[in-house]
């Protein structure tokens, strides 16, 4: 299976240059990678891990 990556349409707005790409066409996991460095690897998260990461992001845990 070929992994199909997609980038948020918001990544084109504002010239921020900070975006992730996501692939959901893989069995049982969501893949996440840095769109600026796609060859650097990716995270593979199950549904529970992805939900936990999203909660932490929304709570501002990773805000700089």
C-alpha atoms as a PDB file:
ATOM      1  CA  UNK A   1       0.000   0.000   0.000  1.00  0.00           C
ATOM      2  CA  UNK A   2       1.227   3.489  -0.834  1.00  0.00           C
ATOM      3  CA  UNK A   3       0.932   5.977   2.005  1.00  0.00           C
ATOM      4  CA  UNK A   4      -1.055   9.037   0.964  1.00  0.00           C
ATOM      5  CA  UNK A   5      -0.154  12.213   2.864  1.00  0.00           C
ATOM      6  CA  UNK A   6      -2.363  15.272   3.163  1.00  0.00           C
ATOM      7  CA  UNK A   7      -1.632  18.712   4.504  1.00  0.00           C
ATOM      8  CA  UNK A   8      -4.109  21.057   6.141  1.00  0.00           C
ATOM      9  CA  UNK A   9      -5.547  23.712   3.848  1.00  0.00           C
ATOM     10  CA  UNK A  10      -4.693  26.177   6.627  1.00  0.00           C
ATOM     11  CA  UNK A  11      -0.997  25.509   6.078  1.00  0.00           C
ATOM     12  CA  UNK A  12      -1.150  27.750   3.026  1.00  0.00           C
ATOM     13  CA  UNK A  13      -2.556  30.694   4.994  1.00  0.00           C
ATOM     14  CA  UNK A  14      -0.436  33.305   6.682  1.00  0.00           C
ATOM     15  CA  UNK A  15       2.934  32.017   5.500  1.00  0.00           C
ATOM     16  CA  UNK A  16       3.645  30.362   8.856  1.00  0.00           C
ATOM     17  CA  UNK A  17       5.471  27.433   7.294  1.00  0.00           C
ATOM     18  CA  UNK A  18       4.664  25.266  10.297  1.00  0.00           C
ATOM     19  CA  UNK A  19       2.543  22.330   9.362  1.00  0.00           C
ATOM     20  CA  UNK A  20       2.185  18.621   9.711  1.00  0.00           C
ATOM     21  CA  UNK A  21       1.019  16.087   7.177  1.00  0.00           C
ATOM     22  CA  UNK A  22      -1.282  13.240   8.123  1.00  0.00           C
ATOM     23  CA  UNK A  23      -2.000   9.876   6.573  1.00  0.00           C
ATOM     24  CA  UNK A  24      -5.051   7.913   7.622  1.00  0.00           C
ATOM     25  CA  UNK A  25      -5.019   5.282   4.885  1.00  0.00           C
ATOM     26  CA  UNK A  26      -2.930   2.901   6.990  1.00  0.00           C
ATOM     27  CA  UNK A  27      -4.444   0.113   9.049  1.00  0.00           C
ATOM     28  CA  UNK A  28      -5.060   0.866  12.732  1.00  0.00           C
ATOM     29  CA  UNK A  29      -2.716   3.878  12.913  1.00  0.00           C
ATOM     30  CA  UNK A  30      -2.537   7.520  11.932  1.00  0.00           C
ATOM     31  CA  UNK A  31       0.811   8.660  10.590  1.00  0.00           C
ATOM     32  CA  UNK A  32       2.025  12.203  11.290  1.00  0.00           C
ATOM     33  CA  UNK A  33       5.105  13.936   9.886  1.00  0.00           C
ATOM     34  CA  UNK A  34       6.680  17.364   9.586  1.00  0.00           C
ATOM     35  CA  UNK A  35       5.834  18.771   6.165  1.00  0.00           C
ATOM     36  CA  UNK A  36       9.115  20.720   6.108  1.00  0.00           C
ATOM     37  CA  UNK A  37      11.184  17.551   6.635  1.00  0.00           C
ATOM     38  CA  UNK A  38       9.193  14.598   5.296  1.00  0.00           C
ATOM     39  CA  UNK A  39      12.264  12.363   4.966  1.00  0.00           C
ATOM     40  CA  UNK A  40      12.981  12.698   8.702  1.00  0.00           C
ATOM     41  CA  UNK A  41      10.419  10.075   9.620  1.00  0.00           C
ATOM     42  CA  UNK A  42       6.964  10.048  11.133  1.00  0.00           C
ATOM     43  CA  UNK A  43       4.949   9.194  14.213  1.00  0.00           C
ATOM     44  CA  UNK A  44       2.589   6.229  14.090  1.00  0.00           C
ATOM     45  CA  UNK A  45      -0.221   6.669  16.601  1.00  0.00           C
ATOM     46  CA  UNK A  46      -3.125   4.439  17.490  1.00  0.00           C
ATOM     47  CA  UNK A  47      -6.500   6.031  18.175  1.00  0.00           C
ATOM     48  CA  UNK A  48      -5.914   6.352  21.942  1.00  0.00           C
ATOM     49  CA  UNK A  49      -2.466   7.906  21.497  1.00  0.00           C
ATOM     50  CA  UNK A  50      -3.762  10.305  18.847  1.00  0.00           C
ATOM     51  CA  UNK A  51      -6.644  11.383  21.090  1.00  0.00           C
ATOM     52  CA  UNK A  52      -4.195  12.008  23.953  1.00  0.00           C
ATOM     53  CA  UNK A  53      -1.890  14.051  21.724  1.00  0.00           C
ATOM     54  CA  UNK A  54      -4.805  16.138  20.474  1.00  0.00           C
ATOM     55  CA  UNK A  55      -5.922  16.859  24.056  1.00  0.00           C
ATOM     56  CA  UNK A  56      -2.401  18.008  24.957  1.00  0.00           C
ATOM     57  CA  UNK A  57      -2.147  20.220  21.870  1.00  0.00           C
ATOM     58  CA  UNK A  58      -5.530  21.818  22.542  1.00  0.00           C
ATOM     59  CA  UNK A  59      -4.538  22.405  26.175  1.00  0.00           C
ATOM     60  CA  UNK A  60      -1.470  24.337  24.986  1.00  0.00           C
ATOM     61  CA  UNK A  61       1.107  21.933  26.342  1.00  0.00           C
ATOM     62  CA  UNK A  62       3.369  22.388  23.310  1.00  0.00           C
ATOM     63  CA  UNK A  63       2.952  26.128  22.837  1.00  0.00           C
ATOM     64  CA  UNK A  64       6.308  27.861  22.686  1.00  0.00           C
END
